[in-house]
Amino acid sequence: MSRSSAAVAELFGTRLRELRHAAGLTQEALAERAGLPHTHISAMERGIKLPNLMTLLRLAVALECKVAKLVGVFDKTSLSSILPK
């Protein structure tokens, strides 16, 4: 994973963990609700994996939130600072 991809993945992972904790869910419970392996949730939270669109939709349903709540963190970030030049 490139340095810029790693920065994006870490930022998303932190946000996913925050929302999961706020919902009072374990990684296993979120994985079950989203129909994903719990190892995938763990990898996303640690910034190792980035979700695709279908996974974002599954996570939003499982967390009972809008997709924007998952990715809104990027609205508060200077995108040019985390994208490759």
N, C-alpha and C. Protein backbone atom coordinates (compact mmCIF):
# COMPACT_ATOMS: atom_id res chain seq x y z
N MET A 1 0.85 -1.17 0.00
CA MET A 1 0.00 0.00 0.00
C MET A 1 0.90 1.23 0.00
N SER A 2 0.57 2.18 -0.86
CA SER A 2 1.36 3.40 -0.93
C SER A 2 1.18 4.23 0.34
N ARG A 3 2.07 5.17 0.52
CA ARG A 3 2.00 6.03 1.70
C ARG A 3 0.69 6.81 1.76
N SER A 4 0.23 7.31 0.60
CA SER A 4 -1.02 8.06 0.58
C SER A 4 -2.21 7.15 0.86
N SER A 5 -2.19 5.94 0.30
CA SER A 5 -3.28 4.99 0.57
C SER A 5 -3.30 4.61 2.04
N ALA A 6 -2.13 4.46 2.63
CA ALA A 6 -2.04 4.12 4.05
C ALA A 6 -2.64 5.24 4.91
N ALA A 7 -2.38 6.49 4.54
CA ALA A 7 -2.94 7.62 5.30
C ALA A 7 -4.46 7.63 5.21
N VAL A 8 -4.99 7.36 4.03
CA VAL A 8 -6.44 7.31 3.84
C VAL A 8 -7.02 6.15 4.65
N ALA A 9 -6.38 5.00 4.57
CA ALA A 9 -6.87 3.81 5.28
C ALA A 9 -6.85 4.03 6.79
N GLU A 10 -5.81 4.66 7.30
CA GLU A 10 -5.73 4.92 8.74
C GLU A 10 -6.81 5.89 9.19
N LEU A 11 -7.05 6.92 8.41
CA LEU A 11 -8.09 7.89 8.73
C LEU A 11 -9.46 7.22 8.72
N PHE A 12 -9.74 6.41 7.70
CA PHE A 12 -11.01 5.70 7.66
C PHE A 12 -11.13 4.71 8.81
N GLY A 13 -10.05 4.00 9.09
CA GLY A 13 -10.08 3.01 10.17
C GLY A 13 -10.39 3.62 11.51
N THR A 14 -9.81 4.77 11.77
CA THR A 14 -10.08 5.48 13.02
C THR A 14 -11.55 5.86 13.10
N ARG A 15 -12.10 6.34 12.00
CA ARG A 15 -13.51 6.73 11.98
C ARG A 15 -14.42 5.51 12.18
N LEU A 16 -14.10 4.41 11.52
CA LEU A 16 -14.90 3.19 11.67
C LEU A 16 -14.89 2.73 13.12
N ARG A 17 -13.74 2.74 13.75
CA ARG A 17 -13.64 2.34 15.16
C ARG A 17 -14.47 3.25 16.06
N GLU A 18 -14.41 4.57 15.80
CA GLU A 18 -15.20 5.52 16.60
C GLU A 18 -16.69 5.21 16.49
N LEU A 19 -17.16 4.99 15.28
CA LEU A 19 -18.59 4.72 15.08
C LEU A 19 -18.99 3.37 15.67
N ARG A 20 -18.12 2.38 15.56
CA ARG A 20 -18.41 1.07 16.14
C ARG A 20 -18.52 1.17 17.65
N HIS A 21 -17.57 1.86 18.27
CA HIS A 21 -17.62 2.05 19.72
C HIS A 21 -18.87 2.82 20.14
N ALA A 22 -19.21 3.86 19.39
CA ALA A 22 -20.40 4.66 19.70
C ALA A 22 -21.67 3.81 19.62
N ALA A 23 -21.66 2.83 18.73
CA ALA A 23 -22.82 1.94 18.58
C ALA A 23 -22.80 0.82 19.62
N GLY A 24 -21.73 0.74 20.39
CA GLY A 24 -21.62 -0.29 21.42
C GLY A 24 -21.43 -1.69 20.86
N LEU A 25 -20.73 -1.77 19.72
CA LEU A 25 -20.54 -3.06 19.06
C LEU A 25 -19.09 -3.53 19.15
N THR A 26 -18.93 -4.83 19.23
CA THR A 26 -17.60 -5.42 19.09
C THR A 26 -17.31 -5.56 17.60
N GLN A 27 -16.06 -5.82 17.27
CA GLN A 27 -15.73 -6.07 15.86
C GLN A 27 -16.52 -7.27 15.33
N GLU A 28 -16.67 -8.28 16.16
CA GLU A 28 -17.39 -9.48 15.74
C GLU A 28 -18.86 -9.18 15.48
N ALA A 29 -19.47 -8.37 16.35
CA ALA A 29 -20.88 -8.02 16.18
C ALA A 29 -21.08 -7.18 14.92
N LEU A 30 -20.20 -6.23 14.69
CA LEU A 30 -20.29 -5.42 13.47
C LEU A 30 -20.11 -6.29 12.24
N ALA A 31 -19.15 -7.18 12.29
CA ALA A 31 -18.90 -8.07 11.16
C ALA A 31 -20.13 -8.91 10.86
N GLU A 32 -20.75 -9.44 11.89
CA GLU A 32 -21.95 -10.26 11.70
C GLU A 32 -23.08 -9.45 11.08
N ARG A 33 -23.30 -8.25 11.60
CA ARG A 33 -24.36 -7.39 11.06
C ARG A 33 -24.10 -7.01 9.59
N ALA A 34 -22.81 -6.81 9.27
CA ALA A 34 -22.45 -6.36 7.92
C ALA A 34 -22.24 -7.52 6.95
N GLY A 35 -22.22 -8.75 7.46
CA GLY A 35 -21.98 -9.89 6.60
C GLY A 35 -20.55 -9.96 6.10
N LEU A 36 -19.63 -9.57 6.97
CA LEU A 36 -18.21 -9.55 6.64
C LEU A 36 -17.43 -10.37 7.65
N PRO A 37 -16.27 -10.88 7.26
CA PRO A 37 -15.42 -11.56 8.25
C PRO A 37 -14.91 -10.55 9.28
N HIS A 38 -14.84 -10.97 10.54
CA HIS A 38 -14.36 -10.02 11.56
C HIS A 38 -12.92 -9.62 11.29
N THR A 39 -12.16 -10.45 10.60
CA THR A 39 -10.78 -10.08 10.26
C THR A 39 -10.75 -8.88 9.30
N HIS A 40 -11.79 -8.76 8.49
CA HIS A 40 -11.88 -7.63 7.56
C HIS A 40 -12.13 -6.33 8.33
N ILE A 41 -13.01 -6.40 9.33
CA ILE A 41 -13.28 -5.22 10.17
C ILE A 41 -11.99 -4.81 10.88
N SER A 42 -11.30 -5.79 11.44
CA SER A 42 -10.04 -5.51 12.13
C SER A 42 -9.02 -4.87 11.20
N ALA A 43 -8.88 -5.41 10.01
CA ALA A 43 -7.91 -4.87 9.05
C ALA A 43 -8.26 -3.44 8.63
N MET A 44 -9.56 -3.15 8.47
CA MET A 44 -9.96 -1.78 8.12
C MET A 44 -9.66 -0.83 9.28
N GLU A 45 -9.98 -1.24 10.49
CA GLU A 45 -9.74 -0.37 11.65
C GLU A 45 -8.26 -0.11 11.87
N ARG A 46 -7.42 -1.06 11.51
CA ARG A 46 -5.97 -0.88 11.68
C ARG A 46 -5.33 -0.17 10.48
N GLY A 47 -6.13 0.17 9.48
CA GLY A 47 -5.60 0.90 8.33
C GLY A 47 -4.86 0.02 7.35
N ILE A 48 -5.16 -1.27 7.37
CA ILE A 48 -4.49 -2.21 6.46
C ILE A 48 -5.30 -2.40 5.19
N LYS A 49 -6.62 -2.32 5.31
CA LYS A 49 -7.51 -2.50 4.16
C LYS A 49 -8.40 -1.28 3.99
N LEU A 50 -8.70 -0.99 2.74
CA LEU A 50 -9.68 0.05 2.42
C LEU A 50 -10.95 -0.63 1.93
N PRO A 51 -12.12 -0.13 2.33
CA PRO A 51 -13.36 -0.75 1.89
C PRO A 51 -13.71 -0.35 0.46
N ASN A 52 -14.39 -1.25 -0.25
CA ASN A 52 -14.95 -0.88 -1.53
C ASN A 52 -16.34 -0.30 -1.28
N LEU A 53 -17.03 0.11 -2.32
CA LEU A 53 -18.33 0.76 -2.16
C LEU A 53 -19.34 -0.17 -1.51
N MET A 54 -19.38 -1.43 -1.93
CA MET A 54 -20.35 -2.37 -1.35
C MET A 54 -20.10 -2.54 0.15
N THR A 55 -18.84 -2.60 0.54
CA THR A 55 -18.51 -2.72 1.95
C THR A 55 -18.92 -1.48 2.72
N LEU A 56 -18.72 -0.30 2.14
CA LEU A 56 -19.18 0.94 2.79
C LEU A 56 -20.69 0.91 3.02
N LEU A 57 -21.43 0.44 2.03
CA LEU A 57 -22.88 0.36 2.17
C LEU A 57 -23.27 -0.63 3.27
N ARG A 58 -22.60 -1.78 3.29
CA ARG A 58 -22.88 -2.78 4.33
C ARG A 58 -22.57 -2.23 5.73
N LEU A 59 -21.47 -1.51 5.85
CA LEU A 59 -21.10 -0.93 7.14
C LEU A 59 -22.12 0.11 7.58
N ALA A 60 -22.57 0.94 6.66
CA ALA A 60 -23.56 1.96 7.00
C ALA A 60 -24.85 1.31 7.51
N VAL A 61 -25.30 0.27 6.84
CA VAL A 61 -26.51 -0.43 7.28
C VAL A 61 -26.28 -1.05 8.66
N ALA A 62 -25.14 -1.71 8.83
CA ALA A 62 -24.84 -2.37 10.10
C ALA A 62 -24.71 -1.38 11.26
N LEU A 63 -24.19 -0.19 10.97
CA LEU A 63 -24.03 0.83 12.01
C LEU A 63 -25.26 1.74 12.12
N GLU A 64 -26.24 1.49 11.25
CA GLU A 64 -27.46 2.31 11.21
C GLU A 64 -27.13 3.79 11.07
N CYS A 65 -26.29 4.07 10.07
CA CYS A 65 -25.92 5.45 9.80
C CYS A 65 -25.86 5.69 8.30
N LYS A 66 -25.73 6.92 7.92
CA LYS A 66 -25.56 7.29 6.52
C LYS A 66 -24.11 7.02 6.12
N VAL A 67 -23.91 6.73 4.85
CA VAL A 67 -22.55 6.54 4.33
C VAL A 67 -21.72 7.79 4.61
N ALA A 68 -22.35 8.94 4.50
CA ALA A 68 -21.64 10.21 4.73
C ALA A 68 -21.03 10.27 6.13
N LYS A 69 -21.65 9.62 7.09
CA LYS A 69 -21.11 9.63 8.44
C LYS A 69 -19.80 8.83 8.50
N LEU A 70 -19.70 7.81 7.67
CA LEU A 70 -18.47 7.02 7.60
C LEU A 70 -17.35 7.76 6.90
N VAL A 71 -17.68 8.47 5.84
CA VAL A 71 -16.64 9.11 5.03
C VAL A 71 -16.56 10.62 5.23
N GLY A 72 -17.43 11.17 6.05
CA GLY A 72 -17.44 12.61 6.29
C GLY A 72 -16.14 13.12 6.89
N VAL A 73 -15.38 12.23 7.51
CA VAL A 73 -14.09 12.61 8.08
C VAL A 73 -13.17 13.20 7.01
N PHE A 74 -13.36 12.77 5.76
CA PHE A 74 -12.52 13.29 4.68
C PHE A 74 -12.89 14.72 4.29
N ASP A 75 -14.10 15.16 4.65
CA ASP A 75 -14.49 16.54 4.40
C ASP A 75 -13.72 17.50 5.30
N LYS A 76 -13.21 16.99 6.42
CA LYS A 76 -12.49 17.82 7.38
C LYS A 76 -10.97 17.70 7.21
N THR A 77 -10.57 17.02 6.15
CA THR A 77 -9.15 16.76 5.91
C THR A 77 -8.74 17.41 4.60
N SER A 78 -7.55 17.92 4.56
CA SER A 78 -7.02 18.46 3.32
C SER A 78 -6.70 17.28 2.41
N LEU A 79 -7.57 17.04 1.44
CA LEU A 79 -7.41 15.89 0.54
C LEU A 79 -6.11 15.94 -0.23
N SER A 80 -5.69 17.14 -0.60
CA SER A 80 -4.45 17.24 -1.36
C SER A 80 -3.25 16.80 -0.53
N SER A 81 -3.36 16.84 0.78
CA SER A 81 -2.25 16.43 1.62
C SER A 81 -2.14 14.90 1.75
N ILE A 82 -3.22 14.18 1.44
CA ILE A 82 -3.16 12.73 1.57
C ILE A 82 -3.20 12.00 0.23
N LEU A 83 -3.38 12.74 -0.85
CA LEU A 83 -3.38 12.12 -2.18
C LEU A 83 -2.00 12.24 -2.81
N PRO A 84 -1.64 11.27 -3.66
CA PRO A 84 -0.32 11.36 -4.31
C PRO A 84 -0.26 12.56 -5.23
N LYS A 85 0.92 13.09 -5.38
CA LYS A 85 1.10 14.27 -6.23
C LYS A 85 1.40 13.85 -7.64
